[in-house]
């Protein structure tokens, strides 16, 4: 039987990008927590920069490419979604918004989502609360209580503050995935797990 899937959607435009790297670290941390809880998941990464032309074409033709159809299907069957965007002009990127504009209505409803963003300085960190949170409330997602913002300086910070924030957010997200998995197979996934005990560690 195939393990449930957590999908990571990142909208970075570089190769690699800080958004991609943050998504990977969040996914690994969440995967570790869920494995410890006895609910292993597979992770699928969707890099929106590779789908940019497909998204533009769908916007004007209303017909998704096969690659986009596969990406939408992956989100629609995921037990949880991690989303990461770079900050452009004090908000999420246009590429990020376009993906969710074109996603079929209702796909994100009740689906656990972890919000994350990257930017040059910590002064952009409010983008999670001011831009991303309203978007995913509108999409009726179940939003993890802790988001993660990664500034440029965080990546070389020896204090490990970014790592601690990633671990805390991943634990909160994993708890949501167990309690409210966003798939039809929700009756079996995470049954009997005591997250109070898990989170003590």
N, C-alpha and C. Protein backbone atom coordinates (compact mmCIF):
# COMPACT_ATOMS: atom_id res chain seq x y z
N UNK A 1 0.85 -1.19 0.00
CA UNK A 1 0.00 0.00 0.00
C UNK A 1 0.88 1.24 0.00
N UNK A 2 0.57 2.21 -0.86
CA UNK A 2 1.37 3.42 -0.98
C UNK A 2 1.15 4.31 0.23
N UNK A 3 2.26 4.87 0.73
CA UNK A 3 2.16 5.77 1.87
C UNK A 3 1.44 7.05 1.47
N UNK A 4 0.75 7.71 2.40
CA UNK A 4 0.15 9.01 2.12
C UNK A 4 1.24 10.00 1.71
N UNK A 5 0.83 11.05 1.03
CA UNK A 5 1.80 12.01 0.48
C UNK A 5 1.60 13.41 1.05
N UNK A 6 2.71 14.04 1.39
CA UNK A 6 2.75 15.47 1.69
C UNK A 6 3.36 16.15 0.48
N UNK A 7 2.70 17.18 -0.02
CA UNK A 7 3.17 17.91 -1.20
C UNK A 7 3.80 19.22 -0.76
N UNK A 8 4.97 19.52 -1.31
CA UNK A 8 5.66 20.78 -1.06
C UNK A 8 5.60 21.61 -2.33
N UNK A 9 5.01 22.79 -2.25
CA UNK A 9 4.90 23.70 -3.39
C UNK A 9 5.79 24.90 -3.12
N UNK A 10 6.80 25.11 -3.95
CA UNK A 10 7.67 26.26 -3.77
C UNK A 10 7.71 27.09 -5.04
N UNK A 11 7.77 28.42 -4.84
CA UNK A 11 7.67 29.35 -5.96
C UNK A 11 8.96 30.11 -6.21
N UNK A 12 10.07 29.59 -5.73
CA UNK A 12 11.35 30.24 -6.01
C UNK A 12 11.69 30.17 -7.48
N UNK A 13 12.46 31.14 -7.94
CA UNK A 13 12.79 31.19 -9.37
C UNK A 13 14.25 30.85 -9.66
N UNK A 14 15.08 30.79 -8.65
CA UNK A 14 16.49 30.44 -8.85
C UNK A 14 16.65 28.93 -8.75
N UNK A 15 17.86 28.44 -9.08
CA UNK A 15 18.14 27.01 -8.99
C UNK A 15 19.49 26.80 -8.30
N UNK A 16 19.53 26.34 -7.05
CA UNK A 16 18.36 26.20 -6.16
C UNK A 16 17.96 27.56 -5.61
N UNK A 17 16.78 27.63 -5.04
CA UNK A 17 16.31 28.87 -4.42
C UNK A 17 16.18 28.66 -2.91
N UNK A 18 16.18 29.76 -2.19
CA UNK A 18 15.99 29.65 -0.74
C UNK A 18 14.60 29.11 -0.42
N UNK A 19 13.61 29.42 -1.27
CA UNK A 19 12.26 28.89 -1.05
C UNK A 19 12.25 27.37 -1.21
N UNK A 20 12.94 26.89 -2.23
CA UNK A 20 13.05 25.44 -2.43
C UNK A 20 13.75 24.79 -1.25
N UNK A 21 14.85 25.40 -0.79
CA UNK A 21 15.61 24.83 0.33
C UNK A 21 14.77 24.81 1.61
N UNK A 22 14.01 25.89 1.86
CA UNK A 22 13.17 25.92 3.05
C UNK A 22 12.09 24.86 2.97
N UNK A 23 11.49 24.69 1.81
CA UNK A 23 10.48 23.65 1.63
C UNK A 23 11.04 22.26 1.89
N UNK A 24 12.26 22.01 1.42
CA UNK A 24 12.88 20.71 1.63
C UNK A 24 13.14 20.46 3.10
N UNK A 25 13.62 21.48 3.82
CA UNK A 25 13.90 21.30 5.25
C UNK A 25 12.62 21.09 6.05
N UNK A 26 11.57 21.83 5.71
CA UNK A 26 10.29 21.64 6.40
C UNK A 26 9.73 20.25 6.14
N UNK A 27 9.86 19.79 4.90
CA UNK A 27 9.35 18.46 4.56
C UNK A 27 10.10 17.36 5.31
N UNK A 28 11.43 17.48 5.37
CA UNK A 28 12.21 16.47 6.09
C UNK A 28 11.84 16.44 7.57
N UNK A 29 11.68 17.64 8.16
CA UNK A 29 11.33 17.70 9.58
C UNK A 29 9.95 17.11 9.83
N UNK A 30 8.99 17.45 8.99
CA UNK A 30 7.65 16.89 9.14
C UNK A 30 7.62 15.40 8.92
N UNK A 31 8.39 14.94 7.96
CA UNK A 31 8.46 13.50 7.67
C UNK A 31 9.03 12.74 8.87
N UNK A 32 10.04 13.32 9.52
CA UNK A 32 10.63 12.68 10.71
C UNK A 32 9.60 12.56 11.83
N UNK A 33 8.86 13.65 12.08
CA UNK A 33 7.86 13.64 13.15
C UNK A 33 6.78 12.61 12.87
N UNK A 34 6.29 12.56 11.64
CA UNK A 34 5.24 11.62 11.29
C UNK A 34 5.73 10.18 11.34
N UNK A 35 6.98 9.95 10.95
CA UNK A 35 7.54 8.60 11.03
C UNK A 35 7.64 8.16 12.49
N UNK A 36 8.05 9.08 13.35
CA UNK A 36 8.14 8.77 14.78
C UNK A 36 6.76 8.45 15.36
N UNK A 37 5.74 9.11 14.80
CA UNK A 37 4.37 8.88 15.27
C UNK A 37 3.75 7.62 14.68
N UNK A 38 4.51 6.92 13.83
CA UNK A 38 3.98 5.72 13.21
C UNK A 38 3.11 5.99 12.00
N UNK A 39 3.22 7.17 11.43
CA UNK A 39 2.43 7.55 10.24
C UNK A 39 3.37 8.05 9.15
N UNK A 40 4.15 7.17 8.54
CA UNK A 40 5.11 7.61 7.53
C UNK A 40 4.41 8.20 6.31
N UNK A 41 5.04 9.19 5.71
CA UNK A 41 4.52 9.80 4.50
C UNK A 41 5.63 9.88 3.45
N UNK A 42 5.20 9.90 2.20
CA UNK A 42 6.11 10.24 1.12
C UNK A 42 5.99 11.74 0.87
N UNK A 43 7.02 12.31 0.27
CA UNK A 43 7.02 13.74 -0.02
C UNK A 43 7.15 13.94 -1.52
N UNK A 44 6.31 14.81 -2.06
CA UNK A 44 6.43 15.19 -3.47
C UNK A 44 6.69 16.69 -3.55
N UNK A 45 7.70 17.07 -4.30
CA UNK A 45 8.05 18.49 -4.47
C UNK A 45 7.54 19.00 -5.81
N UNK A 46 6.86 20.14 -5.78
CA UNK A 46 6.40 20.81 -6.99
C UNK A 46 7.08 22.17 -7.06
N UNK A 47 7.97 22.36 -8.04
CA UNK A 47 8.67 23.63 -8.22
C UNK A 47 7.92 24.42 -9.29
N UNK A 48 7.28 25.50 -8.88
CA UNK A 48 6.41 26.24 -9.80
C UNK A 48 7.18 26.89 -10.94
N UNK A 49 8.47 27.16 -10.76
CA UNK A 49 9.23 27.77 -11.86
C UNK A 49 9.25 26.85 -13.07
N UNK A 50 9.17 25.53 -12.85
CA UNK A 50 9.18 24.60 -13.98
C UNK A 50 7.82 24.53 -14.67
N UNK A 51 6.81 25.12 -14.05
CA UNK A 51 5.45 25.09 -14.60
C UNK A 51 4.97 26.48 -15.02
N UNK A 52 5.88 27.46 -15.04
CA UNK A 52 5.48 28.85 -15.29
C UNK A 52 4.78 29.01 -16.63
N UNK A 53 5.35 28.46 -17.70
CA UNK A 53 4.73 28.61 -19.02
C UNK A 53 3.41 27.83 -19.10
N UNK A 54 3.35 26.68 -18.42
CA UNK A 54 2.11 25.89 -18.39
C UNK A 54 0.99 26.69 -17.70
N UNK A 55 1.34 27.37 -16.62
CA UNK A 55 0.35 28.16 -15.89
C UNK A 55 -0.15 29.33 -16.74
N UNK A 56 0.77 30.01 -17.43
CA UNK A 56 0.38 31.13 -18.28
C UNK A 56 -0.53 30.64 -19.41
N UNK A 57 -0.20 29.49 -19.97
CA UNK A 57 -1.02 28.96 -21.07
C UNK A 57 -2.41 28.58 -20.56
N UNK A 58 -2.48 27.98 -19.40
CA UNK A 58 -3.80 27.61 -18.86
C UNK A 58 -4.63 28.85 -18.56
N UNK A 59 -3.98 29.90 -18.12
CA UNK A 59 -4.71 31.12 -17.78
C UNK A 59 -5.49 31.65 -18.98
N UNK A 60 -4.90 31.56 -20.17
CA UNK A 60 -5.56 32.10 -21.36
C UNK A 60 -6.34 31.06 -22.14
N UNK A 61 -5.97 29.78 -22.01
CA UNK A 61 -6.65 28.74 -22.78
C UNK A 61 -7.67 27.96 -21.96
N UNK A 62 -7.53 28.04 -20.63
CA UNK A 62 -8.38 27.30 -19.69
C UNK A 62 -8.17 25.78 -19.79
N UNK A 63 -7.05 25.38 -20.38
CA UNK A 63 -6.74 23.96 -20.51
C UNK A 63 -5.39 23.69 -19.84
N UNK A 64 -5.36 22.89 -18.77
CA UNK A 64 -4.09 22.59 -18.11
C UNK A 64 -3.27 21.59 -18.91
N UNK A 65 -1.96 21.74 -18.85
CA UNK A 65 -1.07 20.75 -19.44
C UNK A 65 -1.12 19.48 -18.60
N UNK A 66 -0.56 18.40 -19.12
CA UNK A 66 -0.52 17.16 -18.35
C UNK A 66 0.28 17.33 -17.08
N UNK A 67 1.38 18.11 -17.17
CA UNK A 67 2.21 18.35 -15.97
C UNK A 67 1.42 19.08 -14.90
N UNK A 68 0.62 20.06 -15.31
CA UNK A 68 -0.20 20.78 -14.34
C UNK A 68 -1.30 19.89 -13.80
N UNK A 69 -1.93 19.11 -14.66
CA UNK A 69 -2.98 18.20 -14.20
C UNK A 69 -2.43 17.24 -13.15
N UNK A 70 -1.21 16.76 -13.37
CA UNK A 70 -0.57 15.87 -12.40
C UNK A 70 -0.31 16.59 -11.08
N UNK A 71 0.14 17.85 -11.18
CA UNK A 71 0.41 18.62 -9.97
C UNK A 71 -0.88 18.87 -9.19
N UNK A 72 -1.95 19.25 -9.89
CA UNK A 72 -3.23 19.48 -9.22
C UNK A 72 -3.74 18.20 -8.55
N UNK A 73 -3.57 17.07 -9.25
CA UNK A 73 -4.02 15.79 -8.68
C UNK A 73 -3.23 15.45 -7.42
N UNK A 74 -1.93 15.76 -7.44
CA UNK A 74 -1.11 15.48 -6.26
C UNK A 74 -1.58 16.30 -5.07
N UNK A 75 -1.89 17.57 -5.29
CA UNK A 75 -2.39 18.42 -4.21
C UNK A 75 -3.74 17.90 -3.71
N UNK A 76 -4.58 17.49 -4.64
CA UNK A 76 -5.92 17.02 -4.28
C UNK A 76 -5.94 15.73 -3.49
N UNK A 77 -4.87 14.96 -3.56
CA UNK A 77 -4.82 13.70 -2.81
C UNK A 77 -3.86 13.75 -1.62
N UNK A 78 -3.21 14.89 -1.41
CA UNK A 78 -2.21 15.00 -0.34
C UNK A 78 -2.87 15.03 1.04
N UNK A 79 -2.20 14.45 2.02
CA UNK A 79 -2.69 14.55 3.40
C UNK A 79 -2.27 15.87 4.03
N UNK A 80 -1.38 16.58 3.38
CA UNK A 80 -0.95 17.89 3.86
C UNK A 80 -0.13 18.57 2.78
N UNK A 81 -0.10 19.90 2.83
CA UNK A 81 0.62 20.68 1.83
C UNK A 81 1.49 21.72 2.53
N UNK A 82 2.74 21.80 2.10
CA UNK A 82 3.66 22.82 2.58
C UNK A 82 3.85 23.81 1.43
N UNK A 83 3.60 25.09 1.67
CA UNK A 83 3.72 26.09 0.61
C UNK A 83 4.77 27.12 0.99
N UNK A 84 5.63 27.45 0.02
CA UNK A 84 6.72 28.39 0.28
C UNK A 84 6.81 29.37 -0.90
N UNK A 85 6.81 30.65 -0.58
CA UNK A 85 6.94 31.66 -1.63
C UNK A 85 8.03 32.66 -1.28
N UNK A 86 8.75 33.17 -2.27
CA UNK A 86 9.59 34.34 -2.01
C UNK A 86 8.71 35.56 -1.86
N UNK A 87 9.22 36.58 -1.18
CA UNK A 87 8.47 37.83 -1.03
C UNK A 87 8.81 38.75 -2.19
N UNK A 88 7.79 39.14 -2.95
CA UNK A 88 7.92 40.11 -4.03
C UNK A 88 7.00 41.29 -3.72
N UNK A 89 7.57 42.48 -3.58
CA UNK A 89 6.76 43.68 -3.32
C UNK A 89 5.79 43.47 -2.16
N UNK A 90 6.31 42.97 -1.06
CA UNK A 90 5.58 42.83 0.21
C UNK A 90 4.47 41.80 0.18
N UNK A 91 4.51 40.87 -0.80
CA UNK A 91 3.49 39.84 -0.86
C UNK A 91 4.07 38.58 -1.48
N UNK A 92 3.21 37.57 -1.66
CA UNK A 92 3.63 36.36 -2.35
C UNK A 92 3.88 36.68 -3.82
N UNK A 93 4.60 35.80 -4.49
CA UNK A 93 4.91 36.04 -5.89
C UNK A 93 3.68 35.80 -6.77
N UNK A 94 3.70 36.41 -7.96
CA UNK A 94 2.60 36.20 -8.90
C UNK A 94 2.49 34.75 -9.34
N UNK A 95 3.63 34.08 -9.47
CA UNK A 95 3.63 32.67 -9.86
C UNK A 95 2.93 31.82 -8.82
N UNK A 96 3.20 32.12 -7.56
CA UNK A 96 2.56 31.41 -6.44
C UNK A 96 1.04 31.61 -6.49
N UNK A 97 0.62 32.86 -6.64
CA UNK A 97 -0.82 33.17 -6.66
C UNK A 97 -1.50 32.53 -7.87
N UNK A 98 -0.81 32.51 -9.01
CA UNK A 98 -1.41 31.97 -10.22
C UNK A 98 -1.73 30.49 -10.06
N UNK A 99 -0.83 29.75 -9.41
CA UNK A 99 -1.08 28.33 -9.21
C UNK A 99 -2.37 28.12 -8.42
N UNK A 100 -2.55 28.88 -7.35
CA UNK A 100 -3.73 28.70 -6.51
C UNK A 100 -4.97 29.34 -7.14
N UNK A 101 -4.80 30.33 -8.00
CA UNK A 101 -5.94 30.86 -8.75
C UNK A 101 -6.52 29.81 -9.69
N UNK A 102 -5.64 28.99 -10.27
CA UNK A 102 -6.07 28.02 -11.28
C UNK A 102 -6.42 26.65 -10.70
N UNK A 103 -6.08 26.44 -9.44
CA UNK A 103 -6.42 25.17 -8.78
C UNK A 103 -7.94 25.08 -8.65
N UNK A 104 -8.49 23.91 -8.88
CA UNK A 104 -9.94 23.74 -8.83
C UNK A 104 -10.49 24.15 -7.46
N UNK A 105 -11.58 24.88 -7.49
CA UNK A 105 -12.19 25.35 -6.25
C UNK A 105 -12.54 24.17 -5.34
N UNK A 106 -12.21 24.33 -4.07
CA UNK A 106 -12.49 23.29 -3.08
C UNK A 106 -11.35 22.33 -2.83
N UNK A 107 -10.31 22.39 -3.66
CA UNK A 107 -9.20 21.45 -3.50
C UNK A 107 -8.50 21.61 -2.16
N UNK A 108 -8.37 22.84 -1.70
CA UNK A 108 -7.64 23.08 -0.45
C UNK A 108 -8.55 23.00 0.78
N UNK A 109 -9.84 22.86 0.60
CA UNK A 109 -10.77 22.88 1.74
C UNK A 109 -10.43 21.79 2.74
N UNK A 110 -10.23 22.19 4.00
CA UNK A 110 -9.94 21.30 5.13
C UNK A 110 -8.59 20.60 5.01
N UNK A 111 -7.77 20.95 4.03
CA UNK A 111 -6.48 20.29 3.85
C UNK A 111 -5.43 20.99 4.72
N UNK A 112 -4.70 20.26 5.56
CA UNK A 112 -3.67 20.89 6.39
C UNK A 112 -2.59 21.56 5.54
N UNK A 113 -2.28 22.81 5.89
CA UNK A 113 -1.30 23.59 5.13
C UNK A 113 -0.33 24.27 6.08
N UNK A 114 0.95 24.17 5.76
CA UNK A 114 2.00 24.88 6.49
C UNK A 114 2.48 26.02 5.61
N UNK A 115 2.42 27.25 6.12
CA UNK A 115 2.79 28.45 5.37
C UNK A 115 4.24 28.82 5.65
N UNK A 116 4.99 29.14 4.59
CA UNK A 116 6.38 29.55 4.75
C UNK A 116 6.75 30.53 3.65
N UNK A 117 7.72 31.39 3.93
CA UNK A 117 8.15 32.39 2.95
C UNK A 117 9.62 32.70 3.16
N UNK A 118 10.23 33.27 2.14
CA UNK A 118 11.64 33.68 2.22
C UNK A 118 11.77 35.11 1.70
N UNK A 119 12.76 35.81 2.22
CA UNK A 119 13.01 37.18 1.78
C UNK A 119 14.36 37.65 2.23
N UNK A 120 14.73 38.83 1.79
CA UNK A 120 16.06 39.34 2.09
C UNK A 120 16.29 39.66 3.55
N UNK A 121 15.30 40.23 4.20
CA UNK A 121 15.45 40.63 5.59
C UNK A 121 14.21 40.24 6.39
N UNK A 122 14.37 40.22 7.70
CA UNK A 122 13.29 39.80 8.59
C UNK A 122 12.10 40.76 8.55
N UNK A 123 12.30 41.98 8.03
CA UNK A 123 11.17 42.93 8.00
C UNK A 123 10.06 42.46 7.06
N UNK A 124 10.36 41.48 6.20
CA UNK A 124 9.34 40.94 5.30
C UNK A 124 8.55 39.79 5.93
N UNK A 125 8.86 39.43 7.16
CA UNK A 125 8.27 38.23 7.75
C UNK A 125 6.76 38.32 7.93
N UNK A 126 6.22 39.53 7.99
CA UNK A 126 4.78 39.68 8.17
C UNK A 126 3.98 39.24 6.96
N UNK A 127 4.66 38.92 5.85
CA UNK A 127 3.95 38.49 4.65
C UNK A 127 3.10 37.24 4.92
N UNK A 128 3.54 36.41 5.85
CA UNK A 128 2.77 35.20 6.17
C UNK A 128 1.41 35.58 6.74
N UNK A 129 1.39 36.55 7.66
CA UNK A 129 0.14 36.95 8.29
C UNK A 129 -0.69 37.87 7.41
N UNK A 130 -0.03 38.76 6.67
CA UNK A 130 -0.78 39.79 5.95
C UNK A 130 -1.23 39.35 4.55
N UNK A 131 -0.54 38.40 3.95
CA UNK A 131 -0.87 37.99 2.58
C UNK A 131 -1.23 36.52 2.47
N UNK A 132 -0.39 35.64 3.00
CA UNK A 132 -0.63 34.21 2.82
C UNK A 132 -1.81 33.72 3.64
N UNK A 133 -1.90 34.17 4.87
CA UNK A 133 -2.98 33.71 5.75
C UNK A 133 -4.36 34.04 5.19
N UNK A 134 -4.62 35.27 4.72
CA UNK A 134 -5.94 35.54 4.13
C UNK A 134 -6.22 34.68 2.89
N UNK A 135 -5.21 34.43 2.07
CA UNK A 135 -5.41 33.61 0.88
C UNK A 135 -5.87 32.21 1.25
N UNK A 136 -5.18 31.59 2.20
CA UNK A 136 -5.52 30.21 2.53
C UNK A 136 -6.74 30.10 3.43
N UNK A 137 -7.08 31.17 4.15
CA UNK A 137 -8.38 31.20 4.81
C UNK A 137 -9.49 31.21 3.75
N UNK A 138 -9.31 32.01 2.70
CA UNK A 138 -10.29 32.07 1.63
C UNK A 138 -10.45 30.70 0.96
N UNK A 139 -9.33 29.97 0.81
CA UNK A 139 -9.37 28.65 0.19
C UNK A 139 -9.88 27.58 1.15
N UNK A 140 -10.17 27.99 2.39
CA UNK A 140 -10.75 27.11 3.43
C UNK A 140 -9.81 25.98 3.85
N UNK A 141 -8.52 26.22 3.73
CA UNK A 141 -7.54 25.24 4.20
C UNK A 141 -7.51 25.21 5.72
N UNK A 142 -7.01 24.12 6.27
CA UNK A 142 -6.75 24.03 7.71
C UNK A 142 -5.30 24.44 7.92
N UNK A 143 -5.08 25.61 8.50
CA UNK A 143 -3.75 26.23 8.50
C UNK A 143 -3.00 25.91 9.79
N UNK A 144 -1.79 25.42 9.63
CA UNK A 144 -0.95 25.12 10.80
C UNK A 144 -0.68 26.41 11.57
N UNK A 145 -0.65 26.33 12.91
CA UNK A 145 -0.54 27.54 13.71
C UNK A 145 0.80 28.25 13.64
N UNK A 146 1.84 27.56 13.20
CA UNK A 146 3.17 28.16 13.12
C UNK A 146 3.65 28.20 11.68
N UNK A 147 3.92 29.39 11.16
CA UNK A 147 4.54 29.53 9.86
C UNK A 147 6.03 29.77 10.04
N UNK A 148 6.78 29.72 8.95
CA UNK A 148 8.22 29.92 9.01
C UNK A 148 8.64 30.92 7.95
N UNK A 149 9.38 31.94 8.39
CA UNK A 149 9.99 32.89 7.46
C UNK A 149 11.50 32.74 7.53
N UNK A 150 12.13 32.62 6.37
CA UNK A 150 13.58 32.51 6.32
C UNK A 150 14.19 33.71 5.62
N UNK A 151 14.91 34.54 6.36
CA UNK A 151 15.62 35.67 5.77
C UNK A 151 16.99 35.20 5.28
N UNK A 152 17.60 36.00 4.42
CA UNK A 152 18.91 35.63 3.87
C UNK A 152 19.91 35.32 4.98
N UNK A 153 19.92 36.15 6.02
CA UNK A 153 20.87 35.96 7.11
C UNK A 153 20.64 34.71 7.93
N UNK A 154 19.45 34.14 7.87
CA UNK A 154 19.15 32.94 8.67
C UNK A 154 19.95 31.73 8.21
N UNK A 155 20.30 31.68 6.92
CA UNK A 155 20.92 30.48 6.39
C UNK A 155 22.34 30.27 6.92
N UNK A 156 23.02 31.36 7.25
CA UNK A 156 24.38 31.21 7.78
C UNK A 156 24.47 31.47 9.26
N UNK A 157 23.33 31.56 9.94
CA UNK A 157 23.30 31.88 11.37
C UNK A 157 23.68 30.66 12.19
N UNK A 158 24.81 30.71 12.92
CA UNK A 158 25.23 29.54 13.70
C UNK A 158 24.37 29.27 14.92
N UNK A 159 23.48 30.19 15.27
CA UNK A 159 22.66 30.00 16.47
C UNK A 159 21.63 28.88 16.29
N UNK A 160 21.31 28.55 15.05
CA UNK A 160 20.33 27.50 14.82
C UNK A 160 18.90 27.90 15.01
N UNK A 161 18.63 29.23 15.04
CA UNK A 161 17.26 29.69 15.27
C UNK A 161 16.31 29.24 14.16
N UNK A 162 16.78 29.26 12.92
CA UNK A 162 15.92 28.83 11.82
C UNK A 162 15.56 27.35 11.97
N UNK A 163 16.55 26.55 12.32
CA UNK A 163 16.29 25.12 12.51
C UNK A 163 15.27 24.87 13.61
N UNK A 164 15.35 25.64 14.68
CA UNK A 164 14.39 25.47 15.78
C UNK A 164 12.99 25.85 15.33
N UNK A 165 12.87 26.91 14.54
CA UNK A 165 11.56 27.32 14.04
C UNK A 165 11.00 26.28 13.07
N UNK A 166 11.86 25.72 12.24
CA UNK A 166 11.43 24.68 11.31
C UNK A 166 10.90 23.47 12.08
N UNK A 167 11.64 23.05 13.10
CA UNK A 167 11.22 21.88 13.87
C UNK A 167 9.89 22.12 14.57
N UNK A 168 9.72 23.30 15.15
CA UNK A 168 8.47 23.60 15.87
C UNK A 168 7.29 23.64 14.90
N UNK A 169 7.49 24.28 13.75
CA UNK A 169 6.41 24.36 12.76
C UNK A 169 6.07 22.99 12.20
N UNK A 170 7.09 22.17 11.98
CA UNK A 170 6.86 20.82 11.44
C UNK A 170 6.07 19.97 12.42
N UNK A 171 6.34 20.10 13.72
CA UNK A 171 5.58 19.34 14.72
C UNK A 171 4.11 19.76 14.72
N UNK A 172 3.87 21.07 14.66
CA UNK A 172 2.48 21.55 14.66
C UNK A 172 1.75 21.12 13.39
N UNK A 173 2.44 21.17 12.26
CA UNK A 173 1.86 20.73 10.99
C UNK A 173 1.57 19.23 11.02
N UNK A 174 2.51 18.45 11.53
CA UNK A 174 2.31 17.00 11.59
C UNK A 174 1.12 16.64 12.47
N UNK A 175 0.93 17.37 13.54
CA UNK A 175 -0.23 17.10 14.39
C UNK A 175 -1.53 17.33 13.62
N UNK A 176 -1.57 18.40 12.81
CA UNK A 176 -2.75 18.65 11.99
C UNK A 176 -2.96 17.54 10.97
N UNK A 177 -1.88 17.08 10.36
CA UNK A 177 -1.98 16.03 9.35
C UNK A 177 -2.58 14.77 9.95
N UNK A 178 -2.17 14.45 11.16
CA UNK A 178 -2.70 13.26 11.82
C UNK A 178 -4.16 13.45 12.21
N UNK A 179 -4.49 14.63 12.71
CA UNK A 179 -5.85 14.88 13.17
C UNK A 179 -6.83 15.08 12.03
N UNK A 180 -6.38 15.76 10.97
CA UNK A 180 -7.30 16.12 9.89
C UNK A 180 -6.64 15.89 8.54
N UNK A 181 -6.28 14.66 8.22
CA UNK A 181 -5.63 14.42 6.92
C UNK A 181 -6.54 14.80 5.77
N UNK A 182 -5.95 15.41 4.74
CA UNK A 182 -6.76 15.92 3.64
C UNK A 182 -6.97 14.91 2.53
N UNK A 183 -7.32 13.68 2.87
CA UNK A 183 -7.62 12.67 1.86
C UNK A 183 -8.85 11.89 2.28
N UNK A 184 -9.37 11.13 1.34
CA UNK A 184 -10.54 10.31 1.63
C UNK A 184 -10.21 9.18 2.61
N UNK A 185 -8.93 8.80 2.68
CA UNK A 185 -8.52 7.69 3.54
C UNK A 185 -8.24 8.15 4.96
N UNK A 186 -9.04 9.10 5.45
CA UNK A 186 -8.73 9.72 6.73
C UNK A 186 -9.03 8.81 7.92
N UNK A 187 -9.86 7.79 7.75
CA UNK A 187 -10.22 6.96 8.90
C UNK A 187 -9.04 6.15 9.42
N UNK A 188 -8.15 5.72 8.52
CA UNK A 188 -7.05 4.87 8.94
C UNK A 188 -5.79 5.66 9.27
N UNK A 189 -5.60 6.80 8.63
CA UNK A 189 -4.34 7.52 8.79
C UNK A 189 -4.25 8.16 10.17
N UNK A 190 -3.25 7.74 10.92
CA UNK A 190 -3.01 8.36 12.21
C UNK A 190 -3.89 7.84 13.32
N UNK A 191 -4.59 6.76 13.11
CA UNK A 191 -5.49 6.26 14.14
C UNK A 191 -4.70 5.83 15.37
N UNK A 192 -5.19 6.25 16.53
CA UNK A 192 -4.61 5.79 17.78
C UNK A 192 -3.31 6.47 18.20
N UNK A 193 -2.93 7.57 17.55
CA UNK A 193 -1.67 8.23 17.90
C UNK A 193 -1.93 9.25 19.00
N UNK A 194 -1.12 9.20 20.05
CA UNK A 194 -1.22 10.16 21.14
C UNK A 194 -0.19 11.25 20.89
N UNK A 195 -0.62 12.37 20.31
CA UNK A 195 0.33 13.43 19.96
C UNK A 195 0.79 14.20 21.19
N UNK A 196 0.05 14.14 22.27
CA UNK A 196 0.51 14.80 23.48
C UNK A 196 1.82 14.17 23.94
N UNK A 197 1.89 12.84 23.87
CA UNK A 197 3.13 12.16 24.24
C UNK A 197 4.23 12.45 23.25
N UNK A 198 3.90 12.45 21.96
CA UNK A 198 4.90 12.68 20.92
C UNK A 198 5.55 14.05 21.06
N UNK A 199 4.74 15.06 21.31
CA UNK A 199 5.25 16.43 21.33
C UNK A 199 6.05 16.76 22.60
N UNK A 200 6.01 15.86 23.59
CA UNK A 200 6.83 16.10 24.78
C UNK A 200 8.31 16.05 24.44
N UNK A 201 8.67 15.25 23.41
CA UNK A 201 10.07 15.12 23.03
C UNK A 201 10.53 16.25 22.14
